[in-house]
Amino acid sequence: MPDKLIGVYNVMYTAVALPDGKGWAAHLTIFGPSSNPMHRHAVYPEQRVSQDKVFVTCEEAEQEALRVAEEMVHAANATPTHD
C-alpha cells in the first residue's frame, strides 16, 4: 500500500479490485501525527473514496485516492480553529 506524508498526516492510499473483476476502487486511510509510528491514530479509517467512480487501472484508483487525501488534508488545515 503506497503512503505519503502530507504535512503532519501519514496517508496510505491504495486500489482495491472490485468483486466483479470489472475495475478498481480507490481506498484511503489518514493517520494523525504520532511520536511513535507503531501506535498510529487513524483520523480517517480505511474506506473507499470517490464511491461513484470505477477505475480501469490500479494506478488510476491510487491517484484518485491520493488526490482525495490531499484535498482532505488541505481542507482540514484551512478550517479555522475556535479559541
Protein backbone atom coordinates (compact mmCIF):
# COMPACT_ATOMS: atom_id res chain seq x y z
CA MET A 1 0.00 0.00 0.00
CA PRO A 2 1.62 3.28 -1.07
CA ASP A 3 1.95 6.01 1.53
CA LYS A 4 2.86 9.67 1.60
CA LEU A 5 3.47 12.25 4.31
CA ILE A 6 1.27 15.30 3.73
CA GLY A 7 2.04 17.91 6.36
CA VAL A 8 1.80 16.05 9.68
CA TYR A 9 -0.54 13.38 8.28
CA ASN A 10 0.59 9.98 7.05
CA VAL A 11 -1.64 8.99 4.15
CA MET A 12 -1.99 5.42 2.93
CA TYR A 13 -3.78 5.08 -0.37
CA THR A 14 -4.48 2.04 -2.49
CA ALA A 15 -6.60 0.46 -5.18
CA VAL A 16 -8.85 -2.48 -4.46
CA ALA A 17 -10.11 -4.78 -7.20
CA LEU A 18 -13.90 -4.81 -7.36
CA PRO A 19 -15.53 -8.17 -6.63
CA ASP A 20 -16.95 -8.47 -10.14
CA GLY A 21 -13.46 -8.05 -11.60
CA LYS A 22 -14.56 -5.09 -13.70
CA GLY A 23 -12.40 -2.33 -12.33
CA TRP A 24 -10.76 -0.80 -9.30
CA ALA A 25 -11.91 1.26 -6.33
CA ALA A 26 -9.87 3.96 -4.57
CA HIS A 27 -9.25 3.39 -0.84
CA LEU A 28 -7.72 5.76 1.69
CA THR A 29 -6.54 5.88 5.31
CA ILE A 30 -5.23 9.04 7.01
CA PHE A 31 -3.21 8.83 10.22
CA GLY A 32 -2.68 11.80 12.52
CA PRO A 33 0.65 12.85 13.97
CA SER A 34 2.30 10.42 16.39
CA SER A 35 5.62 10.31 18.16
CA ASN A 36 5.61 6.52 17.79
CA PRO A 37 4.95 5.08 14.31
CA MET A 38 3.96 1.78 15.93
CA HIS A 39 0.94 3.48 17.53
CA ARG A 40 -0.65 5.48 14.77
CA HIS A 41 -4.08 7.03 15.20
CA ALA A 42 -6.34 6.81 12.16
CA VAL A 43 -8.19 10.12 11.90
CA TYR A 44 -9.83 8.77 8.73
CA PRO A 45 -10.10 4.97 8.92
CA GLU A 46 -9.62 2.96 5.75
CA GLN A 47 -12.54 3.24 3.41
CA ARG A 48 -13.46 3.66 -0.18
CA VAL A 49 -13.41 7.21 -1.57
CA SER A 50 -14.97 8.51 -4.77
CA GLN A 51 -17.57 5.78 -4.42
CA ASP A 52 -19.36 6.70 -7.63
CA LYS A 53 -16.24 6.06 -9.72
CA VAL A 54 -14.82 2.80 -11.05
CA PHE A 55 -11.28 2.96 -12.38
CA VAL A 56 -9.92 0.95 -15.28
CA THR A 57 -6.42 0.58 -13.80
CA CYS A 58 -4.95 0.16 -10.36
CA GLU A 59 -2.79 3.25 -10.90
CA GLU A 60 -5.81 5.46 -11.71
CA ALA A 61 -7.53 4.37 -8.49
CA GLU A 62 -4.40 5.04 -6.43
CA GLN A 63 -4.00 8.51 -7.93
CA GLU A 64 -7.64 9.31 -7.16
CA ALA A 65 -7.20 8.21 -3.55
CA LEU A 66 -4.10 10.39 -3.24
CA ARG A 67 -5.92 13.36 -4.80
CA VAL A 68 -8.79 12.99 -2.30
CA ALA A 69 -6.32 12.73 0.60
CA GLU A 70 -4.53 15.91 -0.45
CA GLU A 71 -7.87 17.69 -0.76
CA MET A 72 -8.99 16.48 2.69
CA VAL A 73 -5.74 17.49 4.41
CA HIS A 74 -5.81 20.89 2.72
CA ALA A 75 -9.42 21.43 3.86
CA ALA A 76 -8.58 20.35 7.42
CA ASN A 77 -5.67 22.78 7.56
CA ALA A 78 -7.83 25.62 6.19
CA THR A 79 -10.54 25.11 8.81
CA PRO A 80 -10.42 27.94 11.37
CA THR A 81 -9.99 26.94 14.98
CA HIS A 82 -12.15 28.29 17.78
CA ASP A 83 -10.35 29.90 20.71
